[in-house]
N, C-alpha and C. Protein backbone atom coordinates (compact mmCIF):
# COMPACT_ATOMS: atom_id res chain seq x y z
N MET A 1 15.12 -54.32 -27.02
CA MET A 1 15.04 -54.10 -25.66
C MET A 1 13.71 -54.63 -25.03
N SER A 2 13.90 -55.41 -24.01
CA SER A 2 12.62 -55.90 -23.66
C SER A 2 11.71 -55.11 -23.25
N GLN A 3 10.27 -55.66 -22.96
CA GLN A 3 9.37 -55.07 -22.71
C GLN A 3 9.20 -54.40 -21.39
N PHE A 4 10.14 -55.08 -20.51
CA PHE A 4 10.13 -55.12 -18.83
C PHE A 4 11.17 -53.28 -18.70
N VAL A 5 12.00 -53.57 -19.57
CA VAL A 5 13.07 -52.52 -19.37
C VAL A 5 12.04 -51.11 -19.97
N VAL A 6 11.36 -51.50 -20.84
CA VAL A 6 10.65 -50.12 -21.36
C VAL A 6 9.84 -49.77 -20.29
N ARG A 7 8.73 -50.43 -19.89
CA ARG A 7 7.99 -49.92 -18.85
C ARG A 7 8.61 -49.61 -17.57
N ARG A 8 9.98 -50.09 -17.30
CA ARG A 8 10.44 -49.54 -16.11
C ARG A 8 10.74 -48.08 -16.59
N GLY A 9 11.28 -47.91 -17.72
CA GLY A 9 11.57 -46.73 -18.28
C GLY A 9 10.83 -45.50 -18.64
N LEU A 10 9.42 -46.04 -18.70
CA LEU A 10 8.22 -45.09 -18.83
C LEU A 10 8.05 -44.96 -17.46
N ARG A 11 7.80 -46.05 -16.37
CA ARG A 11 7.62 -45.32 -14.97
C ARG A 11 8.29 -44.53 -14.27
N LEU A 12 9.81 -44.62 -14.58
CA LEU A 12 10.42 -43.61 -14.18
C LEU A 12 10.42 -42.01 -14.62
N ARG A 13 10.15 -42.17 -16.13
CA ARG A 13 9.57 -40.80 -16.52
C ARG A 13 8.31 -40.09 -15.96
N SER A 14 7.40 -41.24 -15.91
CA SER A 14 6.49 -40.43 -15.33
C SER A 14 6.50 -40.43 -13.94
N LEU A 15 7.55 -40.81 -13.25
CA LEU A 15 7.50 -40.83 -12.00
C LEU A 15 8.34 -39.44 -11.44
N ILE A 16 9.34 -38.92 -12.42
CA ILE A 16 10.03 -37.89 -12.60
C ILE A 16 9.01 -36.59 -12.74
N ALA A 17 8.21 -36.76 -13.95
CA ALA A 17 7.11 -35.75 -14.34
C ALA A 17 6.55 -35.59 -13.29
N SER A 18 5.86 -36.31 -12.37
CA SER A 18 5.01 -36.19 -11.25
C SER A 18 5.88 -35.45 -10.19
N VAL A 19 6.94 -35.71 -10.15
CA VAL A 19 7.82 -35.12 -9.00
C VAL A 19 8.13 -33.40 -9.53
N SER A 20 8.39 -33.25 -10.73
CA SER A 20 8.72 -31.99 -11.12
C SER A 20 7.66 -31.09 -11.01
N ALA A 21 6.19 -31.64 -11.17
CA ALA A 21 5.17 -30.93 -11.02
C ALA A 21 4.58 -30.40 -9.71
N LEU A 22 5.36 -31.47 -8.52
CA LEU A 22 4.89 -30.97 -7.28
C LEU A 22 5.67 -30.02 -6.99
N VAL A 23 7.24 -30.10 -7.32
CA VAL A 23 8.02 -29.03 -7.06
C VAL A 23 7.43 -27.43 -7.48
N LEU A 24 7.09 -27.60 -8.71
CA LEU A 24 6.62 -26.43 -9.38
C LEU A 24 5.43 -25.71 -8.71
N VAL A 25 4.63 -26.52 -8.36
CA VAL A 25 2.94 -26.04 -7.48
C VAL A 25 3.52 -25.73 -6.10
N ALA A 26 4.65 -26.08 -5.52
CA ALA A 26 5.36 -25.66 -4.34
C ALA A 26 5.89 -24.22 -4.46
N LEU A 27 6.55 -24.27 -5.84
CA LEU A 27 7.27 -22.59 -5.82
C LEU A 27 6.12 -21.92 -6.03
N LEU A 28 5.25 -22.10 -6.88
CA LEU A 28 4.11 -21.10 -7.38
C LEU A 28 3.40 -20.91 -6.05
N THR A 29 3.15 -21.76 -5.02
CA THR A 29 2.36 -21.40 -3.97
C THR A 29 3.13 -20.30 -3.03
N VAL A 30 4.47 -20.64 -2.91
CA VAL A 30 5.41 -20.02 -2.19
C VAL A 30 5.42 -18.43 -2.87
N ALA A 31 5.39 -18.33 -4.08
CA ALA A 31 5.69 -16.98 -4.96
C ALA A 31 4.45 -16.22 -5.04
N LEU A 32 3.15 -16.59 -4.95
CA LEU A 32 1.96 -16.04 -5.15
C LEU A 32 1.73 -15.09 -3.82
N PRO A 33 1.77 -13.75 -4.40
CA PRO A 33 1.50 -12.72 -3.30
C PRO A 33 0.58 -12.72 -2.39
N GLN A 34 0.61 -12.60 -0.99
CA GLN A 34 -0.65 -12.92 -0.12
C GLN A 34 -0.80 -11.96 0.29
N PRO A 35 -2.01 -11.23 0.68
CA PRO A 35 -2.37 -9.79 1.57
C PRO A 35 -1.75 -9.88 2.49
N ALA A 36 -1.06 -8.55 2.59
CA ALA A 36 -0.19 -8.34 4.03
C ALA A 36 -0.96 -7.66 5.38
N ASP A 37 -0.66 -7.86 6.29
CA ASP A 37 -1.25 -6.97 7.00
C ASP A 37 -0.73 -5.47 7.37
N ALA A 38 -1.67 -4.81 6.49
CA ALA A 38 -1.26 -3.38 6.52
C ALA A 38 -2.02 -2.47 7.65
N TYR A 39 -1.36 -3.09 8.96
CA TYR A 39 -1.50 -2.44 10.05
C TYR A 39 -0.78 -1.27 10.15
N PRO A 40 -1.26 0.13 10.83
CA PRO A 40 -0.45 1.19 11.10
C PRO A 40 0.86 1.05 11.74
N PRO A 41 1.75 2.10 12.35
CA PRO A 41 2.84 1.71 12.77
C PRO A 41 2.48 1.76 14.02
N ASP A 42 3.62 1.08 15.16
CA ASP A 42 3.32 1.38 16.66
C ASP A 42 2.14 0.51 17.10
N LEU A 43 2.24 -0.78 16.82
CA LEU A 43 0.71 -1.37 17.84
C LEU A 43 1.50 -2.43 18.84
N PRO A 44 1.39 -2.18 19.79
CA PRO A 44 1.81 -2.63 21.30
C PRO A 44 1.43 -3.98 21.36
N SER A 45 1.99 -4.86 22.32
CA SER A 45 1.63 -6.02 22.41
C SER A 45 0.29 -5.94 23.20
N LYS A 46 -0.48 -7.48 23.67
CA LYS A 46 -1.70 -7.38 24.32
C LYS A 46 -1.19 -6.52 25.83
N ALA A 47 -0.16 -7.31 26.56
CA ALA A 47 0.14 -6.78 27.71
C ALA A 47 0.29 -5.21 28.02
N VAL A 48 1.14 -4.59 27.27
CA VAL A 48 1.10 -3.37 27.07
C VAL A 48 -0.45 -2.69 27.03
N VAL A 49 -1.15 -3.11 25.93
CA VAL A 49 -2.36 -2.29 25.79
C VAL A 49 -3.48 -2.49 27.14
N GLN A 50 -3.38 -3.94 27.73
CA GLN A 50 -4.04 -4.13 28.58
C GLN A 50 -3.31 -3.09 29.66
N SER A 51 -2.25 -2.73 30.12
CA SER A 51 -1.88 -1.76 30.88
C SER A 51 -2.52 -0.50 30.45
N GLU A 52 -2.53 -0.28 29.32
CA GLU A 52 -2.98 1.11 29.27
C GLU A 52 -4.62 1.41 29.09
N LEU A 53 -5.55 0.36 28.88
CA LEU A 53 -6.81 0.48 29.34
C LEU A 53 -6.85 0.44 30.69
N ASN A 54 -6.07 -0.15 31.49
CA ASN A 54 -6.50 -0.01 33.01
C ASN A 54 -6.61 1.08 33.38
N SER A 55 -5.43 1.93 32.74
CA SER A 55 -5.20 3.65 33.31
C SER A 55 -6.02 4.42 32.33
N LEU A 56 -6.76 3.99 31.60
CA LEU A 56 -7.78 5.09 31.02
C LEU A 56 -8.52 5.60 31.75
N THR A 57 -8.94 6.96 32.06
CA THR A 57 -9.97 7.31 32.75
C THR A 57 -11.27 7.26 31.98
N VAL A 58 -12.32 6.56 33.19
CA VAL A 58 -13.66 6.24 32.60
C VAL A 58 -14.70 7.37 32.80
N GLN A 59 -15.16 7.95 31.75
CA GLN A 59 -15.71 9.22 32.12
C GLN A 59 -17.32 9.17 30.94
N ALA A 60 -18.29 9.47 31.40
CA ALA A 60 -19.25 9.96 30.60
C ALA A 60 -18.80 10.76 29.33
N GLU A 61 -19.24 10.74 28.13
CA GLU A 61 -18.83 11.53 27.02
C GLU A 61 -19.73 12.75 27.18
N SER A 62 -18.55 13.98 26.82
CA SER A 62 -19.26 15.30 27.09
C SER A 62 -18.19 16.20 26.19
N ALA A 63 -18.79 17.56 26.06
CA ALA A 63 -18.15 18.45 25.37
C ALA A 63 -18.43 19.77 25.77
N SER A 64 -17.80 20.97 25.49
CA SER A 64 -18.04 22.03 25.95
C SER A 64 -18.76 22.80 24.74
N ALA A 65 -18.98 22.29 23.54
CA ALA A 65 -19.54 22.58 22.37
C ALA A 65 -20.02 21.75 21.64
N PRO A 66 -20.74 21.73 20.57
CA PRO A 66 -21.17 20.90 19.76
C PRO A 66 -19.89 20.49 18.91
N TYR A 67 -20.06 19.19 18.36
CA TYR A 67 -18.77 18.92 17.59
C TYR A 67 -19.03 19.48 15.86
N ASN A 68 -17.57 19.96 15.68
CA ASN A 68 -17.47 20.46 13.95
C ASN A 68 -15.94 19.60 13.84
N ARG A 69 -16.28 19.13 12.50
CA ARG A 69 -15.21 18.30 12.00
C ARG A 69 -14.20 19.61 11.40
N ASP A 70 -14.53 20.56 11.08
CA ASP A 70 -13.61 21.81 10.80
C ASP A 70 -12.62 22.00 11.71
N LEU A 71 -13.01 21.75 13.23
CA LEU A 71 -12.16 22.11 14.43
C LEU A 71 -10.81 20.99 14.37
N PHE A 72 -10.59 20.42 13.65
CA PHE A 72 -9.47 19.18 13.45
C PHE A 72 -9.39 19.22 11.58
N PRO A 73 -8.32 20.07 11.51
CA PRO A 73 -7.87 20.59 10.05
C PRO A 73 -6.91 19.07 9.71
N HIS A 74 -7.34 18.45 8.82
CA HIS A 74 -6.82 17.37 8.16
C HIS A 74 -6.13 17.39 6.62
N TRP A 75 -5.60 16.15 6.82
CA TRP A 75 -4.93 15.95 5.16
C TRP A 75 -4.02 17.07 4.96
N ILE A 76 -3.47 17.64 5.97
CA ILE A 76 -2.33 18.82 5.72
C ILE A 76 -1.19 17.89 4.64
N SER A 77 -0.37 18.82 4.53
CA SER A 77 0.81 18.88 3.70
C SER A 77 1.80 18.25 4.68
N GLN A 78 2.31 17.02 3.69
CA GLN A 78 3.50 16.15 4.61
C GLN A 78 4.67 16.60 3.56
N GLY A 79 5.14 17.45 2.93
CA GLY A 79 6.18 17.65 2.11
C GLY A 79 6.11 16.82 0.57
N ASN A 80 7.03 16.96 -0.18
CA ASN A 80 7.03 16.39 -1.58
C ASN A 80 5.62 16.35 -2.26
N ASN A 81 5.10 17.27 -2.37
CA ASN A 81 3.58 17.28 -2.85
C ASN A 81 2.75 16.63 -2.25
N CYS A 82 2.87 15.99 -1.31
CA CYS A 82 1.79 14.99 -0.62
C CYS A 82 1.40 15.45 0.86
N ASP A 83 -0.09 15.10 0.62
CA ASP A 83 -0.83 15.54 1.62
C ASP A 83 -0.94 14.14 2.77
N THR A 84 -1.47 14.07 4.07
CA THR A 84 -1.77 13.13 4.89
C THR A 84 -1.91 11.59 4.21
N ARG A 85 -3.49 11.89 3.50
CA ARG A 85 -4.03 11.01 2.91
C ARG A 85 -3.15 10.29 1.87
N GLU A 86 -2.50 11.29 1.42
CA GLU A 86 -1.62 10.36 0.34
C GLU A 86 -0.50 9.74 0.82
N VAL A 87 0.14 10.00 2.11
CA VAL A 87 1.32 9.32 2.68
C VAL A 87 0.49 8.25 2.84
N VAL A 88 -0.68 7.74 3.63
CA VAL A 88 -1.54 6.70 4.13
C VAL A 88 -1.53 5.63 2.93
N LEU A 89 -1.96 6.46 1.95
CA LEU A 89 -2.14 5.47 0.75
C LEU A 89 -0.99 4.58 0.10
N GLN A 90 0.31 5.62 0.19
CA GLN A 90 1.48 4.75 -0.39
C GLN A 90 1.58 3.84 0.76
N ARG A 91 1.69 4.09 1.87
CA ARG A 91 2.32 3.45 3.27
C ARG A 91 1.34 2.20 3.28
N ASP A 92 0.10 2.12 2.91
CA ASP A 92 -0.94 0.72 3.30
C ASP A 92 -1.14 0.09 1.77
N GLY A 93 -0.50 0.37 0.91
CA GLY A 93 -1.00 -0.11 -0.51
C GLY A 93 0.18 -0.90 -0.98
N THR A 94 -0.05 -1.47 -2.07
CA THR A 94 1.10 -2.36 -2.76
C THR A 94 1.24 -2.12 -4.04
N ASN A 95 2.84 -1.85 -4.21
CA ASN A 95 2.95 -1.31 -5.74
C ASN A 95 2.59 0.11 -6.18
N VAL A 96 2.16 0.93 -5.16
CA VAL A 96 1.58 2.20 -5.48
C VAL A 96 2.69 2.85 -6.22
N GLN A 97 1.90 3.57 -7.18
CA GLN A 97 2.76 4.64 -8.02
C GLN A 97 2.08 6.28 -8.17
N VAL A 98 2.57 6.82 -8.04
CA VAL A 98 2.03 8.51 -7.97
C VAL A 98 2.45 9.10 -8.82
N GLY A 99 1.79 9.98 -9.12
CA GLY A 99 1.86 11.30 -10.26
C GLY A 99 2.67 12.44 -9.27
N SER A 100 3.13 13.16 -10.31
CA SER A 100 3.95 14.60 -9.81
C SER A 100 3.08 15.07 -8.50
N ASP A 101 1.79 14.90 -8.59
CA ASP A 101 1.21 16.03 -7.70
C ASP A 101 0.89 14.69 -6.32
N CYS A 102 1.36 13.32 -6.33
CA CYS A 102 1.57 12.59 -5.50
C CYS A 102 0.40 11.86 -5.27
N TYR A 103 -0.71 11.91 -6.06
CA TYR A 103 -2.14 10.88 -6.07
C TYR A 103 -1.70 9.67 -6.71
N PRO A 104 -2.14 8.65 -6.10
CA PRO A 104 -1.81 7.27 -6.69
C PRO A 104 -2.49 7.27 -8.41
N THR A 105 -1.43 6.53 -8.90
CA THR A 105 -2.04 6.45 -10.68
C THR A 105 -2.20 4.94 -10.57
N SER A 106 -1.65 4.17 -9.64
CA SER A 106 -1.62 2.54 -9.62
C SER A 106 -1.39 2.33 -8.70
N GLY A 107 -2.21 0.73 -8.32
CA GLY A 107 -1.35 0.37 -6.91
C GLY A 107 -2.87 -0.81 -6.56
N SER A 108 -2.84 -1.14 -5.41
CA SER A 108 -3.71 -2.05 -4.83
C SER A 108 -3.76 -2.11 -3.59
N TRP A 109 -4.86 -1.84 -2.72
CA TRP A 109 -5.07 -1.66 -1.10
C TRP A 109 -5.98 -2.70 -0.59
N TYR A 110 -5.39 -3.63 0.40
CA TYR A 110 -6.17 -4.44 1.17
C TYR A 110 -6.90 -3.70 2.25
N SER A 111 -8.05 -3.98 2.46
CA SER A 111 -8.43 -3.30 3.39
C SER A 111 -8.78 -4.32 4.67
N GLU A 112 -8.07 -3.95 5.70
CA GLU A 112 -7.93 -4.93 7.11
C GLU A 112 -9.26 -5.33 7.58
N PHE A 113 -10.01 -4.44 7.69
CA PHE A 113 -11.44 -4.82 8.38
C PHE A 113 -12.38 -5.69 7.90
N ASP A 114 -12.55 -5.45 6.33
CA ASP A 114 -13.61 -6.23 5.87
C ASP A 114 -12.93 -7.24 4.79
N GLY A 115 -11.60 -7.36 4.56
CA GLY A 115 -10.68 -8.23 3.77
C GLY A 115 -11.17 -8.21 2.13
N GLN A 116 -11.45 -6.63 1.67
CA GLN A 116 -11.62 -6.26 0.35
C GLN A 116 -10.15 -5.89 -0.40
N THR A 117 -9.97 -6.07 -1.50
CA THR A 117 -8.87 -5.38 -2.07
C THR A 117 -9.49 -4.37 -3.30
N SER A 118 -8.95 -3.61 -3.32
CA SER A 118 -9.51 -2.54 -4.46
C SER A 118 -8.35 -1.90 -5.00
N THR A 119 -8.01 -1.81 -6.41
CA THR A 119 -7.06 -0.93 -7.29
C THR A 119 -7.28 0.43 -7.72
N LEU A 120 -8.35 1.15 -7.14
CA LEU A 120 -8.93 2.26 -7.44
C LEU A 120 -8.68 2.85 -5.91
N ALA A 121 -7.73 4.12 -5.87
CA ALA A 121 -7.53 5.04 -4.79
C ALA A 121 -8.85 5.59 -4.34
N SER A 122 -9.99 5.95 -5.37
CA SER A 122 -11.04 6.53 -4.99
C SER A 122 -11.73 5.72 -4.30
N ASP A 123 -11.67 4.24 -4.35
CA ASP A 123 -12.51 3.46 -3.60
C ASP A 123 -11.90 3.63 -1.99
N ILE A 124 -11.16 4.06 -1.83
CA ILE A 124 -10.32 3.87 -0.35
C ILE A 124 -10.35 5.37 0.32
N ASP A 125 -10.86 4.88 1.70
CA ASP A 125 -10.77 6.11 2.38
C ASP A 125 -9.68 5.78 3.97
N ILE A 126 -9.31 6.87 4.20
CA ILE A 126 -8.39 6.96 5.42
C ILE A 126 -9.07 7.25 6.55
N ASP A 127 -9.05 6.13 7.21
CA ASP A 127 -10.12 6.15 8.64
C ASP A 127 -9.20 6.71 9.76
N HIS A 128 -9.74 7.49 10.41
CA HIS A 128 -9.14 7.71 11.92
C HIS A 128 -9.80 6.61 12.64
N ILE A 129 -8.94 5.88 13.27
CA ILE A 129 -9.39 4.78 14.13
C ILE A 129 -10.13 5.50 15.33
N VAL A 130 -9.79 6.32 15.86
CA VAL A 130 -10.35 6.72 16.83
C VAL A 130 -11.11 8.20 16.21
N ALA A 131 -12.36 8.19 15.77
CA ALA A 131 -13.08 8.83 14.89
C ALA A 131 -12.85 10.65 15.50
N LEU A 132 -12.98 11.44 14.57
CA LEU A 132 -12.82 12.88 15.21
C LEU A 132 -13.84 13.20 16.20
N GLY A 133 -14.64 12.83 15.69
CA GLY A 133 -16.23 13.00 16.65
C GLY A 133 -16.29 12.45 17.87
N GLU A 134 -15.61 11.27 17.89
CA GLU A 134 -15.22 10.26 19.11
C GLU A 134 -14.33 11.04 19.86
N ALA A 135 -13.45 11.76 19.42
CA ALA A 135 -12.40 12.48 20.39
C ALA A 135 -12.83 13.63 20.64
N TRP A 136 -13.42 14.30 20.21
CA TRP A 136 -14.56 15.57 20.55
C TRP A 136 -14.83 15.24 21.82
N TYR A 137 -15.78 14.31 22.15
CA TYR A 137 -16.54 14.10 22.94
C TYR A 137 -15.82 13.26 24.09
N SER A 138 -14.51 13.08 23.58
CA SER A 138 -13.66 12.26 24.95
C SER A 138 -12.67 13.03 25.41
N GLY A 139 -12.42 14.37 25.40
CA GLY A 139 -11.73 15.04 25.73
C GLY A 139 -10.82 16.27 24.88
N ALA A 140 -11.23 16.02 23.35
CA ALA A 140 -10.36 16.92 22.33
C ALA A 140 -10.89 18.26 22.60
N SER A 141 -12.34 18.39 22.82
CA SER A 141 -12.98 19.58 22.99
C SER A 141 -12.17 20.70 23.49
N SER A 142 -11.71 20.44 24.38
CA SER A 142 -10.75 21.23 25.37
C SER A 142 -9.47 21.33 24.57
N TRP A 143 -8.77 21.15 23.72
CA TRP A 143 -7.34 20.93 22.96
C TRP A 143 -7.62 22.09 22.21
N THR A 144 -6.63 22.64 21.95
CA THR A 144 -5.99 23.65 21.19
C THR A 144 -6.44 23.01 19.78
N THR A 145 -6.70 24.15 18.90
CA THR A 145 -6.77 23.64 17.03
C THR A 145 -5.47 23.00 16.94
N ALA A 146 -4.33 23.28 17.05
CA ALA A 146 -3.01 22.92 16.48
C ALA A 146 -3.20 21.60 17.23
N ARG A 147 -3.28 20.92 18.42
CA ARG A 147 -3.43 19.74 19.05
C ARG A 147 -4.13 18.65 18.23
N ARG A 148 -5.58 19.50 17.87
CA ARG A 148 -6.39 18.50 17.08
C ARG A 148 -5.80 18.15 15.85
N GLN A 149 -5.17 19.58 15.01
CA GLN A 149 -4.67 19.23 14.02
C GLN A 149 -3.87 18.02 14.17
N SER A 150 -2.89 17.95 15.18
CA SER A 150 -1.89 16.93 15.18
C SER A 150 -2.48 15.37 15.37
N PHE A 151 -3.73 15.37 16.07
CA PHE A 151 -4.05 14.22 16.30
C PHE A 151 -4.96 13.68 14.91
N ALA A 152 -5.44 14.53 13.85
CA ALA A 152 -6.15 13.97 12.99
C ALA A 152 -5.17 13.83 11.57
N ASN A 153 -4.06 14.12 11.97
CA ASN A 153 -2.90 13.81 11.12
C ASN A 153 -1.96 12.57 11.62
N ASP A 154 -1.78 11.96 12.53
CA ASP A 154 -1.07 11.24 13.24
C ASP A 154 -0.59 10.29 12.21
N LEU A 155 0.72 10.33 12.37
CA LEU A 155 1.47 9.23 11.12
C LEU A 155 2.37 8.33 11.92
N THR A 156 2.32 8.68 13.17
CA THR A 156 3.33 8.22 14.05
C THR A 156 2.63 6.72 14.64
N GLY A 157 1.41 6.87 15.01
CA GLY A 157 0.70 5.75 15.94
C GLY A 157 -0.26 5.19 15.10
N PRO A 158 -1.15 4.30 15.74
CA PRO A 158 -2.01 3.47 14.92
C PRO A 158 -3.19 4.04 14.50
N GLN A 159 -3.37 5.63 14.27
CA GLN A 159 -4.33 6.25 14.37
C GLN A 159 -5.29 6.47 12.87
N LEU A 160 -4.19 6.14 11.79
CA LEU A 160 -4.90 6.23 10.45
C LEU A 160 -4.56 5.23 9.62
N ILE A 161 -5.69 4.48 9.03
CA ILE A 161 -5.24 3.20 8.12
C ILE A 161 -6.47 3.44 7.12
N ALA A 162 -5.93 2.69 5.75
CA ALA A 162 -6.57 2.70 4.64
C ALA A 162 -7.61 1.60 4.63
N LEU A 163 -9.18 1.89 4.53
CA LEU A 163 -9.97 1.25 4.25
C LEU A 163 -11.10 1.39 3.31
N THR A 164 -11.81 0.35 2.77
CA THR A 164 -12.85 0.77 1.60
C THR A 164 -13.76 1.63 2.10
N ASP A 165 -14.16 2.41 1.25
CA ASP A 165 -14.90 3.40 1.69
C ASP A 165 -16.21 3.05 2.30
N ASN A 166 -17.05 1.58 1.94
CA ASN A 166 -17.93 1.35 2.66
C ASN A 166 -17.74 1.01 4.04
N VAL A 167 -16.72 0.03 4.32
CA VAL A 167 -16.38 -0.08 5.88
C VAL A 167 -16.36 1.25 6.54
N ASN A 168 -15.56 2.21 6.27
CA ASN A 168 -15.51 3.69 6.75
C ASN A 168 -16.39 4.27 6.67
N VAL A 169 -17.66 4.41 6.12
CA VAL A 169 -18.80 4.79 6.38
C VAL A 169 -19.86 3.67 7.23
N SER A 170 -19.64 2.59 7.49
CA SER A 170 -20.25 1.76 8.29
C SER A 170 -19.70 2.13 9.76
N LYS A 171 -18.26 2.30 9.99
CA LYS A 171 -17.96 2.62 11.25
C LYS A 171 -18.44 4.06 11.71
N SER A 172 -18.14 5.21 10.63
CA SER A 172 -18.37 6.36 10.96
C SER A 172 -17.85 6.69 12.47
N ASP A 173 -18.81 7.65 13.24
CA ASP A 173 -18.22 7.92 14.63
C ASP A 173 -18.01 6.91 15.57
N LYS A 174 -18.53 5.74 15.55
CA LYS A 174 -18.94 4.61 16.48
C LYS A 174 -17.87 3.95 17.33
N ASP A 175 -18.20 3.99 18.54
CA ASP A 175 -16.69 3.52 19.30
C ASP A 175 -17.27 2.08 19.25
N PRO A 176 -16.31 1.20 19.91
CA PRO A 176 -16.23 -0.47 19.98
C PRO A 176 -17.83 -1.24 20.76
N ALA A 177 -17.92 -0.12 21.25
CA ALA A 177 -19.50 -0.76 21.94
C ALA A 177 -20.72 -0.77 20.77
N GLU A 178 -20.14 0.01 19.67
CA GLU A 178 -21.38 0.19 18.41
C GLU A 178 -21.04 -0.58 17.62
N TRP A 179 -19.62 -0.34 17.10
CA TRP A 179 -19.06 -0.92 16.00
C TRP A 179 -18.15 -1.83 16.10
N VAL A 180 -17.46 -3.07 15.55
CA VAL A 180 -16.43 -3.85 15.45
C VAL A 180 -15.99 -4.14 13.79
N PRO A 181 -14.88 -4.35 13.65
CA PRO A 181 -14.74 -4.81 12.05
C PRO A 181 -15.51 -6.14 11.82
N PRO A 182 -15.67 -5.97 10.41
CA PRO A 182 -17.01 -7.41 9.88
C PRO A 182 -15.73 -8.56 10.08
N LEU A 183 -14.83 -8.44 9.84
CA LEU A 183 -13.82 -9.86 10.13
C LEU A 183 -13.57 -9.95 11.70
N ALA A 184 -13.88 -11.27 12.12
CA ALA A 184 -13.82 -11.03 13.50
C ALA A 184 -12.11 -11.29 13.94
N SER A 185 -11.46 -11.53 12.87
CA SER A 185 -9.73 -11.79 13.30
C SER A 185 -9.33 -10.77 13.06
N LYS A 186 -9.97 -9.60 13.04
CA LYS A 186 -9.25 -8.29 13.03
C LYS A 186 -9.60 -7.42 14.22
N ARG A 187 -10.42 -8.12 14.83
CA ARG A 187 -10.80 -7.26 16.29
C ARG A 187 -10.02 -6.98 17.16
N CYS A 188 -9.04 -7.91 17.35
CA CYS A 188 -8.02 -7.90 18.41
C CYS A 188 -7.25 -6.60 18.14
N ALA A 189 -6.79 -6.55 16.49
CA ALA A 189 -6.12 -5.53 16.35
C ALA A 189 -6.68 -4.31 16.22
N TYR A 190 -8.09 -4.22 16.24
CA TYR A 190 -8.39 -2.71 16.21
C TYR A 190 -8.78 -2.43 17.68
N SER A 191 -9.15 -3.52 18.81
CA SER A 191 -9.10 -2.98 19.99
C SER A 191 -7.52 -2.48 20.22
N LYS A 192 -6.60 -2.96 20.25
CA LYS A 192 -5.41 -2.60 20.45
C LYS A 192 -4.90 -1.00 19.93
N MET A 193 -5.16 -0.79 18.52
CA MET A 193 -5.26 0.60 17.70
C MET A 193 -6.05 1.58 18.43
N TRP A 194 -7.21 1.15 19.25
CA TRP A 194 -8.21 2.02 19.56
C TRP A 194 -7.58 2.65 20.88
N ILE A 195 -7.08 1.30 22.02
CA ILE A 195 -6.91 1.55 23.45
C ILE A 195 -5.31 2.42 23.13
N HIS A 196 -4.49 2.13 22.43
CA HIS A 196 -3.25 2.49 22.23
C HIS A 196 -3.21 4.26 21.73
N THR A 197 -4.29 4.53 21.09
CA THR A 197 -4.54 5.57 20.41
C THR A 197 -4.76 6.55 21.60
N LYS A 198 -5.93 6.53 22.16
CA LYS A 198 -6.44 6.88 23.12
C LYS A 198 -5.79 7.06 24.73
N SER A 199 -4.67 6.10 24.83
CA SER A 199 -3.88 6.29 25.62
C SER A 199 -2.65 7.50 25.06
N ARG A 200 -2.16 7.38 24.07
CA ARG A 200 -1.35 8.27 23.51
C ARG A 200 -1.84 9.45 23.79
N TRP A 201 -2.95 9.80 23.50
CA TRP A 201 -3.68 11.56 23.18
C TRP A 201 -4.11 11.40 24.44
N GLY A 202 -4.48 10.58 25.59
CA GLY A 202 -5.06 11.09 27.17
C GLY A 202 -6.65 11.46 26.82
N LEU A 203 -7.22 10.75 26.00
CA LEU A 203 -8.65 10.39 25.87
C LEU A 203 -9.04 9.59 26.71
N THR A 204 -10.60 10.06 27.16
CA THR A 204 -11.20 9.06 28.00
C THR A 204 -11.97 8.06 27.40
N VAL A 205 -12.49 6.98 28.19
CA VAL A 205 -13.46 6.18 27.91
C VAL A 205 -14.72 6.39 28.57
N ASP A 206 -15.92 6.07 27.72
CA ASP A 206 -16.97 5.54 28.72
C ASP A 206 -16.91 4.27 29.18
N SER A 207 -18.16 3.97 29.89
CA SER A 207 -17.81 2.48 30.41
C SER A 207 -18.22 1.47 29.85
N ALA A 208 -19.36 1.53 28.63
CA ALA A 208 -19.50 0.51 27.93
C ALA A 208 -18.72 0.29 26.60
N GLU A 209 -18.08 1.30 26.51
CA GLU A 209 -16.75 1.36 25.69
C GLU A 209 -15.59 0.59 26.21
N LYS A 210 -15.53 0.87 27.30
CA LYS A 210 -14.15 0.44 28.28
C LYS A 210 -14.61 -1.29 28.41
N THR A 211 -15.84 -1.46 28.47
CA THR A 211 -15.95 -3.33 28.68
C THR A 211 -16.09 -3.74 27.40
N ALA A 212 -16.33 -3.25 26.02
CA ALA A 212 -16.61 -3.69 24.57
C ALA A 212 -14.85 -4.11 24.39
N LEU A 213 -13.99 -3.09 24.82
CA LEU A 213 -12.60 -2.92 24.47
C LEU A 213 -12.16 -3.99 25.09
N GLN A 214 -12.06 -4.46 26.61
CA GLN A 214 -11.75 -5.38 27.47
C GLN A 214 -12.41 -7.11 26.48
N GLY A 215 -13.64 -6.81 26.18
CA GLY A 215 -13.81 -8.20 25.38
C GLY A 215 -13.15 -8.34 24.03
N LEU A 216 -13.06 -7.65 23.18
CA LEU A 216 -11.99 -7.61 22.32
C LEU A 216 -10.62 -7.99 22.59
N LEU A 217 -10.35 -7.19 23.48
CA LEU A 217 -8.48 -7.58 23.72
C LEU A 217 -8.63 -8.44 24.36
N ASN A 218 -9.49 -9.30 25.19
CA ASN A 218 -9.53 -10.93 25.54
C ASN A 218 -9.36 -12.28 24.30
N THR A 219 -9.66 -11.45 23.13
CA THR A 219 -9.36 -12.32 21.98
C THR A 219 -8.15 -12.59 21.54
N CYS A 220 -7.13 -11.57 21.87
CA CYS A 220 -5.91 -11.65 21.50
C CYS A 220 -4.99 -12.48 21.95
N SER A 221 -4.16 -13.34 21.24
CA SER A 221 -3.22 -14.39 21.93
C SER A 221 -2.09 -13.97 22.45
N PHE A 222 -1.83 -12.32 21.97
CA PHE A 222 -0.29 -11.72 22.39
C PHE A 222 -0.70 -10.30 21.90
């Protein structure tokens, strides 16, 4: 066999090996799991939320009595031994396994607002997008306890989301004029969740809050 044929065969095998490696890398890139947007349900379009924001009543925060968290009964039973917190942990997590008491025994949670992932349910808080204290001073002080309970356990709208405990503590009862998600890429969705929740529940906004929300909403592309 001539040296030319040998060299040609070696080059061909090298080319095949290189193409195979590239195909394998492409397949692995597609197969690697990426963090999904674990947003709550019922997140409307920018146009819908803009209309909702325009319709919200602008009013200074007030209440008939001081805020008391106990006036918003939460983490109520949702059936199958699960309470509201446990339902959200399952909804927003990945590969979540639970015990007979419905508490997660394994899984992972991607915290949308700070981009952190945790494999410990104990490191995850269920955040009320519109905090209970904020709701109290935006109209909920006049609600019945039953309505406040429904608000605090709202699984239908974008009011509850699984976040790291650090970001939840940082957010606390602040409104968007006082706090925004650390990740700038999540601020559009945050404003949508906030506005839509206040609209659904008939809560008011103060002037600084509305200005901040409009600024955040302006960053949305759709």
